[in-house]
N, C-alpha and C. Protein backbone atom coordinates (compact mmCIF):
# COMPACT_ATOMS: atom_id res chain seq x y z
N MET A 1 2.46 -12.09 24.59
CA MET A 1 3.73 -12.81 24.78
C MET A 1 3.51 -13.94 24.64
N LYS A 2 2.44 -14.92 24.89
CA LYS A 2 2.51 -15.89 24.37
C LYS A 2 2.52 -16.38 22.80
N LYS A 3 2.05 -15.64 22.30
CA LYS A 3 2.20 -15.44 20.58
C LYS A 3 3.78 -15.38 20.23
N ILE A 4 4.06 -14.78 21.09
CA ILE A 4 5.65 -14.37 20.58
C ILE A 4 6.69 -15.82 21.18
N SER A 5 6.51 -16.07 22.33
CA SER A 5 6.93 -17.37 22.79
C SER A 5 6.74 -18.72 22.05
N LEU A 6 5.60 -18.62 21.28
CA LEU A 6 5.63 -19.76 20.19
C LEU A 6 5.98 -19.59 18.81
N LEU A 7 6.35 -18.23 18.43
CA LEU A 7 6.82 -17.64 17.56
C LEU A 7 8.40 -18.23 17.34
N VAL A 8 9.13 -17.77 18.44
CA VAL A 8 10.77 -17.90 18.48
C VAL A 8 11.01 -19.50 18.12
N PRO A 9 10.32 -20.69 18.74
CA PRO A 9 10.83 -21.95 18.12
C PRO A 9 10.24 -22.36 16.73
N ALA A 10 9.42 -21.57 16.15
CA ALA A 10 9.00 -21.71 14.90
C ALA A 10 9.77 -21.19 13.98
N ILE A 11 10.44 -20.14 14.36
CA ILE A 11 11.42 -19.68 13.73
C ILE A 11 12.49 -20.49 13.77
N LEU A 12 13.24 -20.73 15.01
CA LEU A 12 14.28 -21.51 15.17
C LEU A 12 14.21 -22.85 14.23
N LEU A 13 13.08 -23.40 14.44
CA LEU A 13 12.67 -24.85 13.47
C LEU A 13 12.80 -24.77 12.27
N ALA A 14 12.42 -23.38 11.53
CA ALA A 14 12.48 -23.40 10.05
C ALA A 14 14.16 -23.29 9.73
N ALA A 15 14.44 -22.42 10.66
CA ALA A 15 15.94 -21.93 10.24
C ALA A 15 16.72 -23.14 10.24
N SER A 16 16.37 -24.21 11.24
CA SER A 16 17.30 -25.67 11.10
C SER A 16 17.05 -26.36 9.74
N ALA A 17 15.57 -26.10 9.92
CA ALA A 17 15.27 -27.17 8.43
C ALA A 17 16.13 -26.47 7.25
N VAL A 18 16.21 -25.37 6.95
CA VAL A 18 17.04 -24.95 5.98
C VAL A 18 18.56 -25.33 6.01
N ALA A 19 18.98 -25.10 7.32
CA ALA A 19 20.56 -25.50 7.54
C ALA A 19 20.60 -26.79 7.42
N SER A 20 19.60 -27.85 7.66
CA SER A 20 19.95 -29.29 7.87
C SER A 20 19.78 -29.86 6.09
N ALA A 21 19.16 -28.71 5.33
CA ALA A 21 18.73 -29.53 4.08
C ALA A 21 20.19 -29.06 3.16
N GLN A 22 21.27 -28.19 3.78
CA GLN A 22 22.11 -27.60 2.94
C GLN A 22 23.65 -28.64 3.66
N ALA A 23 24.55 -28.57 2.74
CA ALA A 23 25.97 -29.06 3.64
C ALA A 23 26.75 -27.79 3.87
N PRO A 24 27.74 -27.79 4.70
CA PRO A 24 28.76 -26.92 4.70
C PRO A 24 28.95 -26.32 3.46
N GLY A 25 28.98 -24.92 3.66
CA GLY A 25 29.28 -24.11 1.83
C GLY A 25 28.11 -24.02 1.33
N GLY A 26 26.79 -24.03 1.48
CA GLY A 26 25.63 -24.34 0.87
C GLY A 26 25.09 -25.23 -0.31
N ALA A 27 26.13 -26.29 -0.39
CA ALA A 27 25.84 -27.64 -1.29
C ALA A 27 25.09 -28.21 -0.38
N ALA A 28 24.45 -28.97 -1.77
CA ALA A 28 23.05 -29.82 -0.94
C ALA A 28 23.50 -30.95 -0.26
N ALA A 29 22.84 -31.14 0.73
CA ALA A 29 23.07 -32.67 1.61
C ALA A 29 23.33 -33.78 0.80
N PRO A 30 24.18 -34.89 0.96
CA PRO A 30 23.87 -35.65 0.00
C PRO A 30 22.65 -36.50 0.82
N ALA A 31 22.01 -37.34 -0.03
CA ALA A 31 20.95 -38.04 -0.01
C ALA A 31 21.19 -39.11 1.21
N ALA A 32 19.91 -39.24 1.81
CA ALA A 32 19.74 -40.59 2.85
C ALA A 32 19.93 -41.61 2.33
N PRO A 33 20.76 -42.98 3.03
CA PRO A 33 20.86 -44.12 2.36
C PRO A 33 19.32 -44.60 2.43
N SER A 34 18.96 -45.80 1.66
CA SER A 34 17.68 -46.27 2.28
C SER A 34 17.65 -47.37 2.95
N SER A 35 18.90 -48.04 2.93
CA SER A 35 19.36 -49.26 3.47
C SER A 35 20.68 -49.36 4.33
N GLY A 36 20.69 -50.52 4.95
CA GLY A 36 22.27 -50.37 5.44
C GLY A 36 22.48 -49.56 6.93
N PHE A 37 23.61 -49.85 7.55
CA PHE A 37 23.60 -49.16 8.78
C PHE A 37 23.65 -47.68 8.69
N ARG A 38 24.19 -47.03 7.87
CA ARG A 38 23.47 -45.63 7.99
C ARG A 38 22.26 -45.48 7.96
N ALA A 39 21.37 -46.17 7.09
CA ALA A 39 20.24 -45.66 7.02
C ALA A 39 19.62 -46.13 8.34
N ASP A 40 19.83 -47.37 9.16
CA ASP A 40 19.39 -47.75 10.29
C ASP A 40 19.78 -46.65 11.62
N PHE A 41 21.17 -46.20 11.35
CA PHE A 41 21.53 -45.04 12.47
C PHE A 41 20.61 -43.87 12.49
N LEU A 42 20.45 -43.58 11.15
CA LEU A 42 19.79 -42.18 10.77
C LEU A 42 18.45 -42.26 11.45
N THR A 43 17.71 -43.58 11.14
CA THR A 43 16.17 -43.74 11.94
C THR A 43 16.53 -43.61 13.55
N GLN A 44 17.79 -44.33 13.96
CA GLN A 44 18.09 -44.23 15.58
C GLN A 44 18.04 -42.45 16.02
N LEU A 45 18.71 -41.99 15.04
CA LEU A 45 19.15 -40.37 15.23
C LEU A 45 17.90 -39.86 15.51
N ASP A 46 17.13 -40.09 14.07
CA ASP A 46 15.76 -39.22 14.50
C ASP A 46 14.86 -39.42 15.48
N ASP A 47 14.70 -40.40 15.58
CA ASP A 47 14.09 -40.75 17.27
C ASP A 47 14.35 -40.22 18.56
N VAL A 48 15.96 -40.64 18.68
CA VAL A 48 16.69 -40.14 19.78
C VAL A 48 16.51 -38.22 19.98
N SER A 49 16.83 -37.76 18.75
CA SER A 49 17.25 -36.21 18.63
C SER A 49 15.73 -35.70 18.96
N LYS A 50 14.65 -36.37 18.65
CA LYS A 50 12.98 -36.03 18.28
C LYS A 50 12.73 -35.88 20.08
N LYS A 51 13.30 -37.17 20.86
CA LYS A 51 12.71 -37.10 22.17
C LYS A 51 13.53 -36.23 22.89
N ILE A 52 14.95 -36.11 22.66
CA ILE A 52 15.52 -35.05 23.69
C ILE A 52 15.11 -33.63 23.10
N LEU A 53 14.89 -33.30 22.11
CA LEU A 53 14.39 -32.02 21.78
C LEU A 53 13.18 -31.67 22.39
N ASP A 54 12.07 -32.82 22.22
CA ASP A 54 10.96 -32.53 23.01
C ASP A 54 11.00 -32.38 24.63
N LEU A 55 11.76 -32.90 24.99
CA LEU A 55 11.83 -33.06 26.68
C LEU A 55 12.42 -31.69 26.89
N ALA A 56 13.92 -31.22 26.21
CA ALA A 56 14.10 -30.06 26.47
C ALA A 56 13.06 -28.73 26.14
N GLY A 57 12.40 -29.24 25.30
CA GLY A 57 11.26 -27.99 25.29
C GLY A 57 10.45 -28.00 26.11
N ALA A 58 10.02 -29.42 26.73
CA ALA A 58 9.01 -29.15 28.06
C ALA A 58 9.37 -29.01 29.37
N VAL A 59 10.92 -28.95 29.32
CA VAL A 59 11.22 -27.96 30.48
C VAL A 59 11.45 -27.09 30.43
N PRO A 60 10.69 -26.59 31.85
CA PRO A 60 10.56 -25.05 32.12
C PRO A 60 12.07 -24.48 31.81
N ALA A 61 12.31 -23.11 31.63
CA ALA A 61 13.35 -22.48 31.71
C ALA A 61 14.20 -22.25 33.04
N ASP A 62 13.49 -22.12 33.93
CA ASP A 62 13.68 -21.93 35.73
C ASP A 62 14.27 -23.34 35.86
N LYS A 63 14.05 -24.58 35.11
CA LYS A 63 14.49 -25.66 35.78
C LYS A 63 15.75 -25.97 35.10
N TYR A 64 16.23 -25.40 34.36
CA TYR A 64 17.54 -25.65 33.61
C TYR A 64 18.69 -25.53 34.51
N SER A 65 18.60 -25.04 35.42
CA SER A 65 19.83 -24.89 36.51
C SER A 65 19.41 -26.07 37.85
N TRP A 66 18.53 -26.81 37.75
CA TRP A 66 18.36 -27.61 38.70
C TRP A 66 19.03 -28.72 38.46
N ARG A 67 19.71 -29.45 39.57
CA ARG A 67 20.71 -30.53 39.67
C ARG A 67 20.52 -31.55 40.52
N PRO A 68 20.42 -32.91 40.30
CA PRO A 68 19.90 -33.62 41.53
C PRO A 68 20.64 -33.50 43.04
N GLU A 69 21.66 -33.00 42.89
CA GLU A 69 22.92 -32.59 44.04
C GLU A 69 23.90 -32.17 43.80
N LYS A 70 24.40 -31.68 44.69
CA LYS A 70 25.74 -30.87 44.08
C LYS A 70 26.81 -31.59 43.29
N GLY A 71 27.85 -31.22 42.58
CA GLY A 71 28.71 -32.01 41.90
C GLY A 71 28.27 -32.88 40.54
N VAL A 72 27.11 -32.55 40.44
CA VAL A 72 26.12 -33.76 39.18
C VAL A 72 25.82 -32.48 38.27
N ARG A 73 25.79 -32.82 37.21
CA ARG A 73 25.59 -32.09 35.88
C ARG A 73 23.89 -31.44 36.27
N SER A 74 23.65 -30.29 35.69
CA SER A 74 22.53 -29.31 35.85
C SER A 74 21.44 -29.79 34.50
N VAL A 75 20.32 -29.51 34.55
CA VAL A 75 19.72 -30.03 33.22
C VAL A 75 20.29 -29.33 31.92
N SER A 76 20.86 -28.07 31.89
CA SER A 76 21.41 -27.50 31.14
C SER A 76 22.77 -28.04 30.64
N GLU A 77 23.41 -28.54 31.91
CA GLU A 77 24.83 -29.28 31.60
C GLU A 77 24.20 -30.55 30.91
N VAL A 78 23.91 -31.24 31.03
CA VAL A 78 23.22 -32.42 30.36
C VAL A 78 23.14 -32.28 29.10
N TYR A 79 22.29 -31.25 28.43
CA TYR A 79 21.91 -31.08 27.19
C TYR A 79 23.20 -30.53 26.63
N MET A 80 23.95 -29.48 27.14
CA MET A 80 24.98 -29.07 26.49
C MET A 80 26.51 -30.36 26.34
N HIS A 81 26.08 -31.26 27.27
CA HIS A 81 27.24 -32.41 27.59
C HIS A 81 27.11 -32.97 26.04
N ILE A 82 25.42 -33.41 25.89
CA ILE A 82 25.18 -33.97 24.58
C ILE A 82 25.68 -33.24 22.92
N VAL A 83 25.60 -32.01 23.32
CA VAL A 83 26.06 -31.03 22.31
C VAL A 83 27.57 -31.13 21.84
N VAL A 84 28.29 -30.90 23.14
CA VAL A 84 29.95 -30.98 22.74
C VAL A 84 30.19 -32.47 22.35
N ALA A 85 29.77 -33.43 22.86
CA ALA A 85 29.70 -34.92 22.47
C ALA A 85 29.42 -34.89 20.74
N ASN A 86 28.45 -34.38 20.58
CA ASN A 86 27.98 -34.40 19.41
C ASN A 86 29.21 -33.99 18.33
N TYR A 87 29.62 -32.66 18.61
CA TYR A 87 30.71 -32.30 17.71
C TYR A 87 32.19 -33.12 17.90
N PHE A 88 32.36 -33.16 19.18
CA PHE A 88 33.75 -34.00 19.52
C PHE A 88 34.03 -35.26 18.95
N LEU A 89 32.94 -36.01 19.31
CA LEU A 89 33.28 -37.68 18.81
C LEU A 89 33.54 -37.61 17.36
N PRO A 90 32.53 -37.02 16.11
CA PRO A 90 33.29 -36.99 14.96
C PRO A 90 34.34 -36.33 14.83
N SER A 91 34.94 -35.70 15.51
CA SER A 91 36.48 -35.06 15.17
C SER A 91 37.60 -36.12 15.25
N PHE A 92 36.87 -37.35 16.01
CA PHE A 92 38.20 -38.56 15.44
C PHE A 92 38.04 -39.17 14.32
N MET A 93 37.29 -38.79 13.50
CA MET A 93 37.02 -39.11 11.77
C MET A 93 37.30 -37.78 11.31
N GLY A 94 37.96 -36.89 11.92
CA GLY A 94 38.66 -35.68 10.83
C GLY A 94 37.47 -35.12 10.87
N VAL A 95 36.23 -34.54 11.39
CA VAL A 95 35.37 -33.71 11.19
C VAL A 95 35.52 -33.01 12.47
N GLN A 96 36.16 -31.76 12.18
CA GLN A 96 36.31 -30.43 13.66
C GLN A 96 35.44 -29.96 13.67
N PRO A 97 34.90 -29.75 15.21
CA PRO A 97 33.84 -28.84 15.49
C PRO A 97 34.09 -27.44 15.27
N PRO A 98 32.69 -26.89 15.17
CA PRO A 98 32.84 -25.29 14.62
C PRO A 98 33.44 -24.76 15.62
N PRO A 99 33.96 -23.47 15.33
CA PRO A 99 34.69 -22.60 16.37
C PRO A 99 33.59 -22.23 17.53
N GLY A 100 34.62 -22.42 19.08
CA GLY A 100 33.64 -22.06 19.88
C GLY A 100 32.89 -23.26 20.57
N ILE A 101 33.17 -24.29 19.95
CA ILE A 101 32.67 -25.46 21.13
C ILE A 101 33.77 -25.93 21.42
N ASP A 102 33.90 -25.90 22.73
CA ASP A 102 34.92 -26.88 23.29
C ASP A 102 34.31 -27.48 24.65
N ARG A 103 35.08 -28.01 25.72
CA ARG A 103 34.39 -28.52 26.73
C ARG A 103 33.72 -27.87 27.92
N SER A 104 34.31 -26.30 27.66
CA SER A 104 33.70 -25.36 28.54
C SER A 104 32.40 -24.90 28.48
N THR A 105 32.13 -25.20 26.79
CA THR A 105 30.59 -25.05 26.24
C THR A 105 29.52 -25.77 27.30
N GLU A 106 29.79 -26.76 27.77
CA GLU A 106 29.09 -27.56 28.94
C GLU A 106 28.35 -26.80 30.03
N THR A 107 29.39 -25.70 30.48
CA THR A 107 28.91 -25.15 31.51
C THR A 107 28.58 -23.86 31.31
N GLY A 108 29.12 -23.15 29.96
CA GLY A 108 28.92 -21.60 29.56
C GLY A 108 27.78 -21.50 29.11
N VAL A 109 26.82 -22.20 28.66
CA VAL A 109 25.64 -22.17 27.85
C VAL A 109 24.58 -22.71 28.83
N THR A 110 23.62 -21.59 29.21
CA THR A 110 22.57 -22.08 30.35
C THR A 110 21.13 -21.57 29.91
N ASP A 111 21.00 -20.67 29.02
CA ASP A 111 19.97 -19.90 28.44
C ASP A 111 18.92 -21.39 27.53
N LYS A 112 18.07 -21.46 28.05
CA LYS A 112 17.25 -22.39 27.61
C LYS A 112 16.89 -22.48 25.83
N ALA A 113 16.22 -21.17 25.54
CA ALA A 113 16.22 -21.37 23.42
C ALA A 113 17.69 -21.46 23.19
N LYS A 114 18.98 -21.00 23.60
CA LYS A 114 20.21 -21.22 23.25
C LYS A 114 20.61 -22.57 23.41
N VAL A 115 20.27 -23.18 24.40
CA VAL A 115 20.67 -25.02 24.58
C VAL A 115 19.93 -25.62 23.30
N VAL A 116 18.61 -25.31 23.34
CA VAL A 116 17.69 -26.01 22.38
C VAL A 116 18.11 -25.80 20.96
N ALA A 117 18.61 -24.86 20.95
CA ALA A 117 18.86 -24.37 19.40
C ALA A 117 20.41 -25.16 19.12
N MET A 118 21.20 -25.12 20.31
CA MET A 118 22.51 -25.77 19.86
C MET A 118 22.38 -27.20 20.06
N LEU A 119 21.30 -27.82 20.51
CA LEU A 119 21.00 -29.36 20.44
C LEU A 119 20.30 -29.81 19.15
N ARG A 120 19.76 -28.45 18.56
CA ARG A 120 19.31 -28.95 17.27
C ARG A 120 20.32 -28.99 16.34
N GLN A 121 21.25 -28.14 16.31
CA GLN A 121 22.24 -27.87 15.26
C GLN A 121 23.24 -29.15 15.14
N SER A 122 23.64 -29.60 16.96
CA SER A 122 24.31 -30.72 17.03
C SER A 122 23.80 -31.97 16.28
N PHE A 123 22.32 -32.05 16.40
CA PHE A 123 21.98 -33.51 15.94
C PHE A 123 22.11 -33.22 14.16
N ASP A 124 21.62 -32.07 13.85
CA ASP A 124 22.43 -31.97 12.43
C ASP A 124 23.43 -32.15 12.07
N HIS A 125 24.44 -31.72 12.68
CA HIS A 125 25.83 -32.07 12.79
C HIS A 125 26.40 -33.28 12.55
N VAL A 126 25.75 -34.26 13.67
CA VAL A 126 25.76 -35.60 13.69
C VAL A 126 25.31 -36.48 12.15
N ARG A 127 24.01 -35.76 11.87
CA ARG A 127 23.27 -36.53 10.64
C ARG A 127 24.26 -36.07 9.26
N SER A 128 24.83 -34.94 9.37
CA SER A 128 25.62 -34.82 8.10
C SER A 128 26.69 -35.52 8.33
N VAL A 129 27.51 -35.54 9.47
CA VAL A 129 28.75 -36.30 9.34
C VAL A 129 28.46 -37.75 8.64
N VAL A 130 26.94 -38.07 9.16
CA VAL A 130 26.84 -40.03 8.82
C VAL A 130 26.56 -39.67 7.23
N LEU A 131 26.18 -38.96 6.83
CA LEU A 131 25.55 -38.89 5.67
C LEU A 131 26.70 -38.86 4.44
N LYS A 132 27.66 -38.08 4.88
CA LYS A 132 29.18 -37.84 4.09
C LYS A 132 30.17 -39.10 4.37
N THR A 133 29.72 -39.83 5.13
CA THR A 133 30.70 -41.01 5.37
C THR A 133 30.16 -41.96 4.57
N PRO A 134 31.24 -42.31 3.76
CA PRO A 134 30.64 -43.59 2.53
C PRO A 134 30.78 -44.91 3.17
N ASP A 135 29.83 -46.01 2.59
CA ASP A 135 29.46 -47.14 3.63
C ASP A 135 30.95 -47.71 3.79
N ALA A 136 31.70 -47.44 2.30
CA ALA A 136 33.19 -48.17 2.28
C ALA A 136 34.09 -47.99 3.44
N ASP A 137 33.91 -46.52 4.07
CA ASP A 137 34.63 -46.08 5.12
C ASP A 137 34.09 -46.29 6.51
N LEU A 138 33.18 -47.09 7.03
CA LEU A 138 32.57 -47.93 7.74
C LEU A 138 33.41 -48.59 8.57
N ASP A 139 34.41 -49.36 7.88
CA ASP A 139 35.26 -50.24 8.68
C ASP A 139 36.51 -49.79 8.85
N LYS A 140 36.75 -48.58 8.50
CA LYS A 140 38.00 -47.87 8.43
C LYS A 140 38.43 -47.38 9.80
N LYS A 141 39.55 -47.72 10.55
CA LYS A 141 39.95 -47.53 11.80
C LYS A 141 40.11 -46.15 12.14
N VAL A 142 39.97 -45.85 13.27
CA VAL A 142 40.17 -44.47 13.80
C VAL A 142 40.82 -44.60 15.08
N LYS A 143 41.75 -43.37 15.65
CA LYS A 143 42.05 -43.47 16.89
C LYS A 143 41.40 -42.93 17.97
N VAL A 144 40.75 -43.27 19.08
CA VAL A 144 39.94 -42.63 19.86
C VAL A 144 40.75 -42.51 21.10
N PHE A 145 40.02 -42.21 22.01
CA PHE A 145 40.41 -41.57 23.39
C PHE A 145 41.93 -42.89 23.87
N GLY A 146 43.00 -42.09 23.93
CA GLY A 146 44.31 -42.78 24.45
C GLY A 146 44.72 -43.63 23.52
N GLY A 147 44.43 -43.37 22.34
CA GLY A 147 45.43 -44.00 21.29
C GLY A 147 44.41 -45.43 20.66
N SER A 148 43.48 -45.67 21.31
CA SER A 148 42.81 -47.17 21.07
C SER A 148 42.33 -47.09 19.80
N GLU A 149 42.05 -48.00 19.19
CA GLU A 149 41.50 -47.61 17.67
C GLU A 149 39.79 -48.66 17.74
N MET A 150 38.98 -48.03 16.84
CA MET A 150 37.51 -48.58 16.75
C MET A 150 37.46 -48.18 15.26
N SER A 151 36.62 -48.89 14.78
CA SER A 151 35.89 -48.57 13.20
C SER A 151 35.28 -47.32 13.16
N GLU A 152 34.84 -46.81 12.23
CA GLU A 152 34.06 -45.35 12.00
C GLU A 152 32.44 -45.80 12.38
N ARG A 153 32.55 -47.10 12.21
CA ARG A 153 30.98 -47.74 12.38
C ARG A 153 30.83 -47.90 13.76
N ALA A 154 31.85 -48.59 14.46
CA ALA A 154 31.69 -48.60 16.29
C ALA A 154 31.42 -46.93 16.69
N LEU A 155 32.44 -45.94 16.44
CA LEU A 155 32.59 -44.90 16.76
C LEU A 155 30.95 -44.28 16.59
N ILE A 156 30.53 -44.36 15.29
CA ILE A 156 28.98 -44.03 15.24
C ILE A 156 28.17 -44.57 16.47
N MET A 157 28.29 -45.66 16.39
CA MET A 157 27.21 -46.36 17.50
C MET A 157 27.71 -46.11 18.78
N VAL A 158 28.64 -45.53 19.17
CA VAL A 158 29.54 -44.75 20.45
C VAL A 158 28.39 -43.20 20.33
N MET A 159 28.13 -43.02 19.27
CA MET A 159 27.56 -41.43 19.14
C MET A 159 26.19 -41.66 20.06
N GLY A 160 25.57 -42.79 19.42
CA GLY A 160 24.00 -43.07 19.24
C GLY A 160 23.78 -43.60 20.70
N ASN A 161 24.55 -44.52 21.10
CA ASN A 161 24.75 -44.84 22.40
C ASN A 161 24.84 -43.56 23.71
N HIS A 162 25.46 -42.61 23.27
CA HIS A 162 26.10 -41.42 24.24
C HIS A 162 24.40 -40.86 24.31
N MET A 163 24.04 -40.66 23.06
CA MET A 163 22.82 -39.70 22.98
C MET A 163 21.50 -40.66 23.71
N HIS A 164 21.45 -41.74 23.63
CA HIS A 164 20.32 -42.43 24.15
C HIS A 164 20.58 -42.72 25.67
N GLU A 165 21.77 -42.83 26.34
CA GLU A 165 22.06 -42.85 27.86
C GLU A 165 21.96 -41.24 28.41
N HIS A 166 22.01 -40.19 27.77
CA HIS A 166 21.75 -39.10 28.38
C HIS A 166 20.29 -38.56 27.94
N LEU A 167 19.35 -39.23 27.29
CA LEU A 167 17.99 -39.33 27.16
C LEU A 167 17.70 -39.58 28.43
N GLY A 168 18.08 -41.24 28.72
CA GLY A 168 17.28 -41.52 29.76
C GLY A 168 17.85 -40.89 31.31
N GLN A 169 18.66 -40.07 31.51
CA GLN A 169 19.24 -39.26 32.36
C GLN A 169 17.85 -37.95 32.48
N SER A 170 18.05 -37.67 31.17
CA SER A 170 17.07 -36.45 31.22
C SER A 170 15.59 -36.58 31.53
N ILE A 171 15.31 -37.85 31.19
CA ILE A 171 14.06 -38.20 31.64
C ILE A 171 13.54 -38.34 33.14
N ALA A 172 14.91 -39.01 33.78
CA ALA A 172 14.88 -39.05 35.23
C ALA A 172 14.89 -37.76 35.83
N TYR A 173 15.49 -36.57 35.40
CA TYR A 173 15.55 -35.40 35.90
C TYR A 173 14.32 -34.72 35.70
N ALA A 174 14.08 -34.95 34.47
CA ALA A 174 12.20 -34.59 34.40
C ALA A 174 11.36 -34.87 34.99
N ARG A 175 11.33 -36.14 35.38
CA ARG A 175 10.30 -36.81 36.38
C ARG A 175 10.69 -36.36 37.69
N SER A 176 11.97 -36.10 38.41
CA SER A 176 12.23 -35.66 39.42
C SER A 176 11.58 -34.15 39.50
N ASN A 177 11.35 -33.42 38.64
CA ASN A 177 11.05 -32.63 38.70
C ASN A 177 9.36 -32.11 38.46
N GLY A 178 8.38 -33.52 38.40
CA GLY A 178 7.43 -33.43 38.01
C GLY A 178 7.00 -33.19 36.41
N ILE A 179 7.75 -33.29 35.53
CA ILE A 179 7.26 -33.21 34.39
C ILE A 179 7.26 -34.49 33.90
N THR A 180 6.23 -34.97 32.91
CA THR A 180 6.17 -36.28 32.43
C THR A 180 5.72 -35.95 30.93
């Protein structure tokens, strides 16, 4: 059984690597920039996504329903909140989430393997959005919550800040459960 449980993450990782190497429609993904804001953001994305995925993997499946108190997101709900935001925030830039991703996804997916796979896919989505955003568009204004405006650069920063915020929350949840 141990060999099978180790094989599943390896298969998911390989599938994710293939998916992230291609853009939607099978085209090659744009090359990563070597300098500038997008390069800096992608470095941060690599860091925060690795930490979140490592932590999500370290939390036992039976702890995914744990919550610090009634009315507060559970472990799986925090991770799925990250997933939903990683798809929803780019929609302000005109990039629509895939079918089936909506606010109900936060509470509707609780299985650890599926949560981790969806986290990985959502990080790949953010990476793709940033790779496909030309530097010239970073100052372009987009309407966000309630009709206020911000630049695409600022919105990308919001995405990174959001991920880091919930990484911190996830670390606190893990430590509350004796996971370090």
